[in-house]
Amino acid sequence: MTTAQLIGSDPGWLILVKALIVFAVCVLLTLMSVWGERRIVARMQQRPGPNRVGPFGLIQALADGVKLALKEDIIPTAADKIVFIIAPIISATTCFMSFAVIPITGEVTMFGRQTAMQLTDIPVGVLYILAVASVGVYGIVLAGWSSGSTYPLLGGLRSSAQVISYEIAMGLSLVAVFIYAGSMSTSDIVAAQTSWWYAVVLFPSFAIFAISMVGETNRAPFDLAEAEGELVGGFHTEYSSLKFALFFLAEYVNIVTVSALATTLFLGGYHAPPGLGFTENWLGGWFTAIWFLLKVVTFFFVFVWLRGTLPRLRYDQFMQFGWKVLIPVSILWILVVATLRVLTLENASRAIVVAFASTVILIILAINVGFENVKKKKESEVPVGDNKSEPSFAVPSLPTLPIEISTINVSKNSGGNRG
C-alpha cells in the first residue's frame, strides 16, 4: 500500500489528532528555537544567554510570550484597522499550512491504525507549499501598507520584491529534484532517496535552495525587510502585543517549515543516514521522527550560525545576487540535469556522458574567465590615485544653492564679522 492510500484511509478524527500534534510540535519548536538562538548566539559572542527563567533559561521564550500578550494593544489612528488586524493572522496561519504535506515519519501505528505522520499526500505537494508561502507574503505587504506609516510601507515593499526574487530561484532549484524523482509528491520524493540523498546527487540545487530559503524567511544576512538600521523595525514597526507576537511566531515557524522542506527534498526526509537504516524500525517506526527532527534542528543551527557571523548585505547587492547569480545558475543547472537525465534514460554510452560533462565544465570556466577579464578592465579604467570606483547603485545628486543666494549670504556673513 502506498503512502497516499495509507493516509487516504484515515478517519476524520485521526486526521484531527495528527493536525493537533503537528500544531503543538510547531509551537513547541518555536519556543525552543527562540531559546536556542539566544543561547547559541550568546555562546558565539562570549556572553551569557538567558539563564534565569527556568532551568538553563528554558522558560524564557514562554515568559517573553506572556509579556507580549500583556502589553497594550495599540492601533495607529491612520491605520486601516481591518487590514491591520487581518495581516498578522494571514502570516501566522499560512506558515502552519505547509506542514500538511510534509511526511514526518514512515508507516507507524497510531491508536491501533496503520498510518503515517502526514496529514495528506497530493501529487503536487511541493507546488502547494510554494503557493502557501506566496500567500504568506500578503501578510507582510498588507501589514506595511495598512499601518499608515512610511517605514512599515518601505519594509513591506522590500519584502515583496525580496520574496518574489528569491522564490523564483527557489522554484527553479526544485526542478532538478522533480526531474530525478519523477514526481512532485513529497512522499514520492522521500521514497526516491533511499540510496542517495539529493543533497549529494544534486548539490548545486541544494546550495541554491539553501541560500534562497534564508532570503525567503527574511533572516540575516538577508533580513532587509525589517532592517532596524534604516527601517526602525520594518513592516511591523507599528505593531504591539499579540499582533506582534503573531509575526514573531510566523518568522520562526517559517524557519522550521523551510528546514523541514529542505530535509524532505534533499536529505532523505525521515529516512536514517546511510548505514543506520536498521533504526527505522525502532519504536514501531516512530524513531524515524527523531531522524527527521534532528535534520530540521541542524538546518536551524545553520540559520543561527549565519546570523552570528555574517553582516547584513546592502539591498542592491542582495537583489543583484538573486537576479544575476542565482537565477542564471539555476537555469543552466536545469539544462545540464535534464540533458544528463535524458542520456541516462536512453542508455547512452559513458563516453558521451563524459564528453557532455567536460563540455559543460569548459563552458563554465570560459564564462568565469570572461567575467574576470571584464572586472579587470573596469578596474583599469579607474584613474590613477582615485580609489573610488563608480557605485553600482543609484546615488541622488546633492542639492546646491543658486550662485546669487550663496554670494549674498557670504557677503552678509563677512560684513557681520568685520563689524
Protein backbone atom coordinates (compact mmCIF):
# COMPACT_ATOMS: atom_id res chain seq x y z
CA MET A 1 0.00 0.00 0.00
CA THR A 2 1.38 3.42 -0.98
CA THR A 3 1.60 6.37 1.41
CA ALA A 4 -1.25 8.15 -0.37
CA GLN A 5 -3.52 5.12 0.02
CA LEU A 6 -2.46 4.67 3.66
CA ILE A 7 -3.24 8.28 4.52
CA GLY A 8 -6.39 8.33 2.41
CA SER A 9 -7.96 5.63 4.60
CA ASP A 10 -7.59 7.68 7.80
CA PRO A 11 -10.87 8.58 9.54
CA GLY A 12 -11.65 12.23 10.27
CA TRP A 13 -10.88 12.03 14.00
CA LEU A 14 -7.39 10.65 13.29
CA ILE A 15 -6.66 13.46 10.83
CA LEU A 16 -7.75 15.97 13.51
CA VAL A 17 -5.46 14.35 16.09
CA LYS A 18 -2.50 14.47 13.70
CA ALA A 19 -3.23 18.12 12.91
CA LEU A 20 -3.23 18.98 16.62
CA ILE A 21 0.06 17.11 17.10
CA VAL A 22 1.69 18.99 14.20
CA PHE A 23 0.42 22.34 15.55
CA ALA A 24 1.69 21.57 19.05
CA VAL A 25 5.09 20.44 17.75
CA CYS A 26 5.45 23.62 15.66
CA VAL A 27 4.62 25.87 18.62
CA LEU A 28 6.97 23.93 20.90
CA LEU A 29 9.75 24.09 18.31
CA THR A 30 9.19 27.85 18.05
CA LEU A 31 9.64 28.31 21.80
CA MET A 32 12.75 26.15 21.81
CA SER A 33 14.07 27.91 18.69
CA VAL A 34 13.90 31.32 20.36
CA TRP A 35 15.72 29.95 23.41
CA GLY A 36 18.23 28.04 21.28
CA GLU A 37 19.03 31.01 19.08
CA ARG A 38 19.67 33.28 22.04
CA ARG A 39 21.87 30.68 23.74
CA ILE A 40 23.87 29.83 20.61
CA VAL A 41 24.47 33.45 19.58
CA ALA A 42 25.42 34.30 23.15
CA ARG A 43 27.98 31.47 23.13
CA MET A 44 29.37 32.70 19.81
CA GLN A 45 29.70 36.24 21.20
CA GLN A 46 31.18 35.04 24.53
CA ARG A 47 28.42 36.45 26.75
CA PRO A 48 25.72 34.89 28.95
CA GLY A 49 22.42 34.00 27.35
CA PRO A 50 19.02 33.52 29.03
CA ASN A 51 19.71 31.55 32.22
CA ARG A 52 17.31 32.86 34.87
CA VAL A 53 13.75 31.84 33.95
CA GLY A 54 13.57 28.09 34.46
CA PRO A 55 16.49 25.63 34.35
CA PHE A 56 19.09 26.92 31.86
CA GLY A 57 16.59 29.65 30.94
CA LEU A 58 14.32 27.17 29.13
CA ILE A 59 11.11 29.02 30.01
CA GLN A 60 12.47 32.41 28.87
CA ALA A 61 10.68 32.25 25.50
CA LEU A 62 7.37 31.42 27.21
CA ALA A 63 7.86 34.33 29.61
CA ASP A 64 8.53 36.65 26.67
CA GLY A 65 5.29 35.47 25.04
CA VAL A 66 3.29 36.17 28.20
CA LYS A 67 4.92 39.60 28.45
CA LEU A 68 3.93 40.39 24.86
CA ALA A 69 0.34 39.29 25.46
CA LEU A 70 0.03 41.60 28.49
CA LYS A 71 1.33 44.68 26.68
CA GLU A 72 -1.04 47.39 25.49
CA ASP A 73 -2.50 46.73 22.05
CA ILE A 74 -2.11 49.96 20.05
CA ILE A 75 -3.64 50.61 16.64
CA PRO A 76 -2.41 53.81 14.90
CA THR A 77 -5.03 56.42 14.04
CA ALA A 78 -4.06 56.46 10.35
CA ALA A 79 -4.16 52.65 10.03
CA ASP A 80 -6.74 50.64 8.11
CA LYS A 81 -7.99 48.76 11.16
CA ILE A 82 -9.49 45.72 9.41
CA VAL A 83 -6.44 45.03 7.24
CA PHE A 84 -4.16 45.92 10.17
CA ILE A 85 -5.72 43.12 12.22
CA ILE A 86 -6.00 40.57 9.39
CA ALA A 87 -2.35 40.88 8.22
CA PRO A 88 -0.68 39.09 11.19
CA ILE A 89 -3.37 36.41 11.09
CA ILE A 90 -2.52 35.67 7.45
CA SER A 91 1.20 35.39 8.22
CA ALA A 92 0.64 33.15 11.25
CA THR A 93 -1.84 30.74 9.64
CA THR A 94 -0.18 30.16 6.27
CA CYS A 95 3.12 29.08 7.85
CA PHE A 96 1.36 26.15 9.57
CA MET A 97 -0.45 25.02 6.41
CA SER A 98 2.72 23.86 4.68
CA PHE A 99 3.14 21.02 7.18
CA ALA A 100 0.01 19.35 5.80
CA VAL A 101 2.02 17.62 3.04
CA ILE A 102 5.39 17.10 4.78
CA PRO A 103 6.00 13.45 5.78
CA ILE A 104 7.38 13.38 9.33
CA THR A 105 7.50 9.58 9.75
CA GLY A 106 7.17 6.44 7.72
CA GLU A 107 4.48 3.86 8.39
CA VAL A 108 3.52 3.82 12.10
CA THR A 109 0.71 2.59 14.32
CA MET A 110 -1.45 5.27 15.91
CA PHE A 111 -4.41 4.33 18.13
CA GLY A 112 -4.44 0.85 16.62
CA ARG A 113 -4.48 2.03 13.00
CA GLN A 114 -1.71 1.87 10.38
CA THR A 115 -0.94 5.35 9.13
CA ALA A 116 1.89 7.84 8.54
CA MET A 117 2.57 11.12 10.32
CA GLN A 118 1.45 13.17 7.35
CA LEU A 119 -1.91 14.93 7.02
CA THR A 120 -2.35 14.47 3.29
CA ASP A 121 -0.41 13.46 0.19
CA ILE A 122 -1.24 15.18 -3.10
CA PRO A 123 0.52 14.75 -6.47
CA VAL A 124 1.66 18.40 -6.45
CA GLY A 125 2.60 18.68 -2.78
CA VAL A 126 5.70 20.83 -3.35
CA LEU A 127 3.79 23.29 -5.52
CA TYR A 128 1.19 23.52 -2.76
CA ILE A 129 3.94 24.53 -0.29
CA LEU A 130 5.27 27.20 -2.68
CA ALA A 131 1.75 28.54 -3.23
CA VAL A 132 1.06 28.76 0.51
CA ALA A 133 4.39 30.53 1.06
CA SER A 134 3.44 33.07 -1.61
CA VAL A 135 0.14 33.79 0.13
CA GLY A 136 2.01 34.33 3.40
CA VAL A 137 3.81 37.29 1.83
CA TYR A 138 0.49 39.13 1.66
CA GLY A 139 0.53 39.33 5.45
CA ILE A 140 3.81 41.25 5.39
CA VAL A 141 2.82 43.51 2.49
CA LEU A 142 -0.61 44.30 3.95
CA ALA A 143 0.90 44.95 7.37
CA GLY A 144 3.26 47.55 5.92
CA TRP A 145 0.55 49.20 3.83
CA SER A 146 -2.20 49.24 6.45
CA SER A 147 -0.03 50.84 9.16
CA GLY A 148 -0.32 54.28 7.56
CA SER A 149 3.38 54.94 8.16
CA THR A 150 6.34 55.36 5.83
CA TYR A 151 8.84 52.91 7.30
CA PRO A 152 6.45 49.94 7.51
CA LEU A 153 5.44 50.64 3.91
CA LEU A 154 9.07 50.56 2.79
CA GLY A 155 9.56 47.32 4.71
CA GLY A 156 6.53 45.76 3.02
CA LEU A 157 7.72 46.82 -0.44
CA ARG A 158 11.17 45.45 0.24
CA SER A 159 9.74 42.16 1.40
CA SER A 160 7.53 41.71 -1.67
CA ALA A 161 10.45 42.37 -4.03
CA GLN A 162 12.75 40.14 -1.98
CA VAL A 163 10.38 37.18 -1.76
CA ILE A 164 9.40 37.34 -5.44
CA SER A 165 13.07 37.39 -6.46
CA TYR A 166 14.20 34.53 -4.26
CA GLU A 167 11.08 32.42 -4.78
CA ILE A 168 11.98 32.27 -8.47
CA ALA A 169 15.43 30.91 -7.65
CA MET A 170 13.93 28.53 -5.08
CA GLY A 171 11.37 27.19 -7.54
CA LEU A 172 14.00 26.72 -10.24
CA SER A 173 16.24 24.81 -7.82
CA LEU A 174 13.44 22.28 -7.29
CA VAL A 175 13.02 21.47 -10.98
CA ALA A 176 16.06 19.18 -10.90
CA VAL A 177 14.52 17.32 -7.94
CA PHE A 178 11.28 16.82 -9.90
CA ILE A 179 13.23 15.53 -12.90
CA TYR A 180 15.13 12.94 -10.87
CA ALA A 181 12.23 11.88 -8.63
CA GLY A 182 9.68 11.85 -11.45
CA SER A 183 7.05 13.30 -9.11
CA MET A 184 6.07 16.44 -7.20
CA SER A 185 4.65 14.46 -4.27
CA THR A 186 6.68 14.88 -1.09
CA SER A 187 6.31 11.21 -0.09
CA ASP A 188 7.45 10.05 -3.55
CA ILE A 189 10.48 12.35 -3.39
CA VAL A 190 11.44 10.91 0.01
CA ALA A 191 11.00 7.37 -1.29
CA ALA A 192 13.26 8.16 -4.28
CA GLN A 193 16.18 8.98 -1.93
CA THR A 194 16.60 5.53 -0.40
CA SER A 195 20.05 5.02 -1.98
CA TRP A 196 21.45 8.56 -2.42
CA TRP A 197 20.28 11.86 -0.93
CA TYR A 198 19.64 14.61 -3.46
CA ALA A 199 21.89 16.94 -1.43
CA VAL A 200 24.76 14.84 -2.86
CA VAL A 201 23.41 13.99 -6.30
CA LEU A 202 22.02 17.48 -6.95
CA PHE A 203 24.37 19.57 -4.82
CA PRO A 204 24.04 22.81 -6.88
CA SER A 205 20.26 22.65 -6.44
CA PHE A 206 20.73 22.08 -2.71
CA ALA A 207 23.08 25.07 -2.41
CA ILE A 208 20.73 27.37 -4.34
CA PHE A 209 17.75 26.22 -2.28
CA ALA A 210 19.64 26.74 0.99
CA ILE A 211 20.58 30.31 0.03
CA SER A 212 17.07 31.07 -1.24
CA MET A 213 15.34 29.82 1.88
CA VAL A 214 17.42 32.22 4.01
CA GLY A 215 16.26 35.10 1.80
CA GLU A 216 12.70 33.76 1.81
CA THR A 217 12.48 33.87 5.62
CA ASN A 218 13.99 37.37 5.96
CA ARG A 219 16.86 36.10 8.09
CA ALA A 220 20.34 37.57 8.44
CA PRO A 221 22.25 38.40 6.33
CA PHE A 222 19.11 38.87 4.20
CA ASP A 223 16.83 40.47 6.83
CA LEU A 224 16.36 43.62 4.77
CA ALA A 225 12.56 43.76 5.12
CA GLU A 226 12.99 44.53 8.83
CA ALA A 227 16.42 46.13 8.92
CA GLU A 228 16.47 48.09 12.18
CA GLY A 229 19.22 50.42 11.00
CA GLU A 230 17.21 52.13 8.24
CA LEU A 231 13.60 50.97 8.79
CA VAL A 232 13.33 51.14 12.61
CA GLY A 233 11.62 47.74 12.74
CA GLY A 234 10.40 47.18 9.21
CA PHE A 235 6.86 46.19 8.30
CA HIS A 236 5.85 45.50 11.94
CA THR A 237 7.05 48.83 13.39
CA GLU A 238 3.52 49.90 14.39
CA TYR A 239 2.51 46.51 15.84
CA SER A 240 2.43 45.59 19.52
CA SER A 241 1.06 42.98 21.91
CA LEU A 242 -0.43 39.80 20.38
CA LYS A 243 -0.31 41.08 16.80
CA PHE A 244 3.45 41.50 17.02
CA ALA A 245 3.65 38.09 18.71
CA LEU A 246 1.90 36.55 15.67
CA PHE A 247 4.56 37.97 13.33
CA PHE A 248 7.24 36.71 15.72
CA LEU A 249 5.62 33.27 15.71
CA ALA A 250 5.30 33.27 11.89
CA GLU A 251 9.00 34.01 11.41
CA TYR A 252 10.18 31.08 13.48
CA VAL A 253 7.55 28.65 12.19
CA ASN A 254 8.63 29.63 8.66
CA ILE A 255 12.21 28.72 9.58
CA VAL A 256 11.02 25.32 10.79
CA THR A 257 8.89 24.89 7.65
CA VAL A 258 11.66 25.61 5.13
CA SER A 259 14.04 23.43 7.16
CA ALA A 260 11.51 20.59 7.04
CA LEU A 261 11.05 21.13 3.29
CA ALA A 262 14.82 21.06 2.69
CA THR A 263 15.03 17.89 4.78
CA THR A 264 12.26 16.29 2.72
CA LEU A 265 13.63 17.25 -0.69
CA PHE A 266 17.38 16.92 -0.21
CA LEU A 267 18.23 14.94 2.97
CA GLY A 268 16.02 11.88 2.56
CA GLY A 269 13.21 13.12 4.80
CA TYR A 270 12.56 10.81 7.75
CA HIS A 271 14.99 8.15 6.49
CA ALA A 272 18.05 7.39 8.61
CA PRO A 273 21.54 8.34 7.42
CA PRO A 274 23.40 5.72 5.36
CA GLY A 275 24.40 2.74 7.46
CA LEU A 276 21.77 3.36 10.15
CA GLY A 277 18.72 2.10 8.30
CA PHE A 278 18.10 -0.59 10.92
CA THR A 279 16.99 2.14 13.38
CA GLU A 280 13.92 2.97 11.28
CA ASN A 281 12.01 0.03 12.80
CA TRP A 282 12.67 1.08 16.39
CA LEU A 283 9.68 2.18 18.49
CA GLY A 284 7.32 0.78 15.88
CA GLY A 285 8.60 3.18 13.21
CA TRP A 286 8.33 6.29 15.39
CA PHE A 287 12.13 6.54 15.60
CA THR A 288 12.07 7.95 12.04
CA ALA A 289 10.52 11.12 13.51
CA ILE A 290 13.68 11.58 15.58
CA TRP A 291 15.86 11.47 12.45
CA PHE A 292 13.53 14.00 10.81
CA LEU A 293 13.70 16.39 13.78
CA LEU A 294 17.49 16.07 14.02
CA LYS A 295 17.86 17.14 10.39
CA VAL A 296 15.47 20.07 10.92
CA VAL A 297 17.43 21.17 14.02
CA THR A 298 20.66 21.00 12.01
CA PHE A 299 19.23 23.41 9.44
CA PHE A 300 18.06 25.71 12.22
CA PHE A 301 21.58 25.74 13.68
CA VAL A 302 22.89 26.88 10.29
CA PHE A 303 20.33 29.73 10.32
CA VAL A 304 21.62 30.86 13.73
CA TRP A 305 25.23 30.38 12.67
CA LEU A 306 24.73 32.71 9.71
CA ARG A 307 23.12 35.33 11.92
CA GLY A 308 26.01 35.22 14.38
CA THR A 309 28.76 35.52 11.77
CA LEU A 310 27.71 37.40 8.61
CA PRO A 311 26.92 41.12 8.34
CA ARG A 312 23.79 42.32 6.57
CA LEU A 313 24.04 42.82 2.81
CA ARG A 314 23.24 46.09 1.10
CA TYR A 315 19.86 45.92 -0.61
CA ASP A 316 21.14 46.42 -4.17
CA GLN A 317 23.80 43.73 -3.62
CA PHE A 318 21.15 41.38 -2.33
CA MET A 319 18.83 41.86 -5.33
CA GLN A 320 21.74 41.70 -7.77
CA PHE A 321 22.86 38.39 -6.28
CA GLY A 322 19.37 36.93 -6.69
CA TRP A 323 18.70 38.04 -10.25
CA LYS A 324 22.20 37.95 -11.76
CA VAL A 325 23.69 34.92 -10.00
CA LEU A 326 21.15 32.50 -8.52
CA ILE A 327 18.55 32.57 -11.31
CA PRO A 328 21.01 32.21 -14.26
CA VAL A 329 22.91 29.45 -12.44
CA SER A 330 19.61 27.65 -11.71
CA ILE A 331 18.56 27.76 -15.37
CA LEU A 332 21.95 26.48 -16.55
CA TRP A 333 21.86 23.68 -13.97
CA ILE A 334 18.36 22.64 -15.09
CA LEU A 335 19.59 22.29 -18.67
CA VAL A 336 22.53 20.18 -17.52
CA VAL A 337 20.40 17.93 -15.31
CA ALA A 338 17.71 17.48 -17.96
CA THR A 339 20.30 16.53 -20.59
CA LEU A 340 22.06 14.08 -18.28
CA ARG A 341 18.75 12.53 -17.30
CA VAL A 342 17.77 12.01 -20.94
CA LEU A 343 21.17 10.48 -21.74
CA THR A 344 20.80 8.12 -18.78
CA LEU A 345 17.28 7.02 -19.72
CA GLU A 346 18.34 6.49 -23.33
CA ASN A 347 21.21 4.26 -22.16
CA ALA A 348 23.83 6.48 -23.77
CA SER A 349 27.42 5.34 -23.61
CA ARG A 350 29.66 6.56 -20.83
CA ALA A 351 31.90 8.34 -23.35
CA ILE A 352 29.01 10.56 -24.47
CA VAL A 353 28.12 11.43 -20.86
CA VAL A 354 31.74 12.25 -20.04
CA ALA A 355 32.06 14.38 -23.20
CA PHE A 356 28.92 16.33 -22.30
CA ALA A 357 30.09 16.88 -18.72
CA SER A 358 33.51 18.04 -19.96
CA THR A 359 31.86 20.49 -22.36
CA VAL A 360 29.76 21.96 -19.56
CA ILE A 361 32.83 22.39 -17.35
CA LEU A 362 34.72 24.13 -20.16
CA ILE A 363 31.80 26.50 -20.78
CA ILE A 364 31.63 27.38 -17.07
CA LEU A 365 35.38 28.05 -16.98
CA ALA A 366 35.13 30.22 -20.10
CA ILE A 367 32.31 32.26 -18.56
CA ASN A 368 34.32 32.69 -15.37
CA VAL A 369 37.38 33.86 -17.29
CA GLY A 370 35.20 36.30 -19.23
CA PHE A 371 33.80 37.81 -16.05
CA GLU A 372 37.30 38.15 -14.60
CA ASN A 373 38.50 39.98 -17.72
CA VAL A 374 35.56 42.36 -17.60
CA LYS A 375 36.24 43.05 -13.93
CA LYS A 376 39.94 43.74 -14.57
CA LYS A 377 39.05 46.06 -17.47
CA LYS A 378 36.71 48.08 -15.25
CA GLU A 379 39.37 48.34 -12.56
CA SER A 380 41.96 49.52 -15.10
CA GLU A 381 39.65 52.33 -16.25
CA VAL A 382 39.72 53.95 -12.79
CA PRO A 383 42.10 56.98 -12.84
CA VAL A 384 45.42 56.61 -11.06
CA GLY A 385 45.23 57.85 -7.47
CA ASP A 386 41.43 57.55 -7.40
CA ASN A 387 40.46 54.51 -5.36
CA LYS A 388 36.75 55.28 -5.52
CA SER A 389 35.13 53.48 -8.44
CA GLU A 390 31.69 54.40 -9.73
CA PRO A 391 28.99 52.98 -7.41
CA SER A 392 26.76 50.23 -8.82
CA PHE A 393 23.60 51.74 -7.30
CA ALA A 394 21.70 54.96 -7.90
CA VAL A 395 23.07 57.96 -5.98
CA PRO A 396 20.94 61.14 -5.90
CA SER A 397 22.72 64.42 -6.59
CA LEU A 398 23.27 66.77 -3.65
CA PRO A 399 21.09 69.93 -3.66
CA THR A 400 23.02 73.15 -4.32
CA LEU A 401 22.07 76.77 -3.69
CA PRO A 402 21.93 79.26 -6.59
CA ILE A 403 25.09 81.33 -7.02
CA GLU A 404 23.37 84.64 -6.27
CA ILE A 405 21.95 83.45 -2.92
CA SER A 406 25.21 81.87 -1.78
CA THR A 407 27.14 85.09 -2.73
CA ILE A 408 24.72 87.26 -0.76
CA ASN A 409 24.97 85.04 2.31
CA VAL A 410 28.78 85.10 2.17
CA SER A 411 28.86 88.89 1.88
CA LYS A 412 26.46 89.29 4.81
CA ASN A 413 28.50 86.99 7.00
CA SER A 414 31.70 88.83 6.05
CA GLY A 415 30.18 92.21 6.91
CA GLY A 416 28.96 90.94 10.24
CA ASN A 417 32.37 89.63 11.12
CA ARG A 418 34.03 92.97 10.31
CA GLY A 419 31.54 94.81 12.48
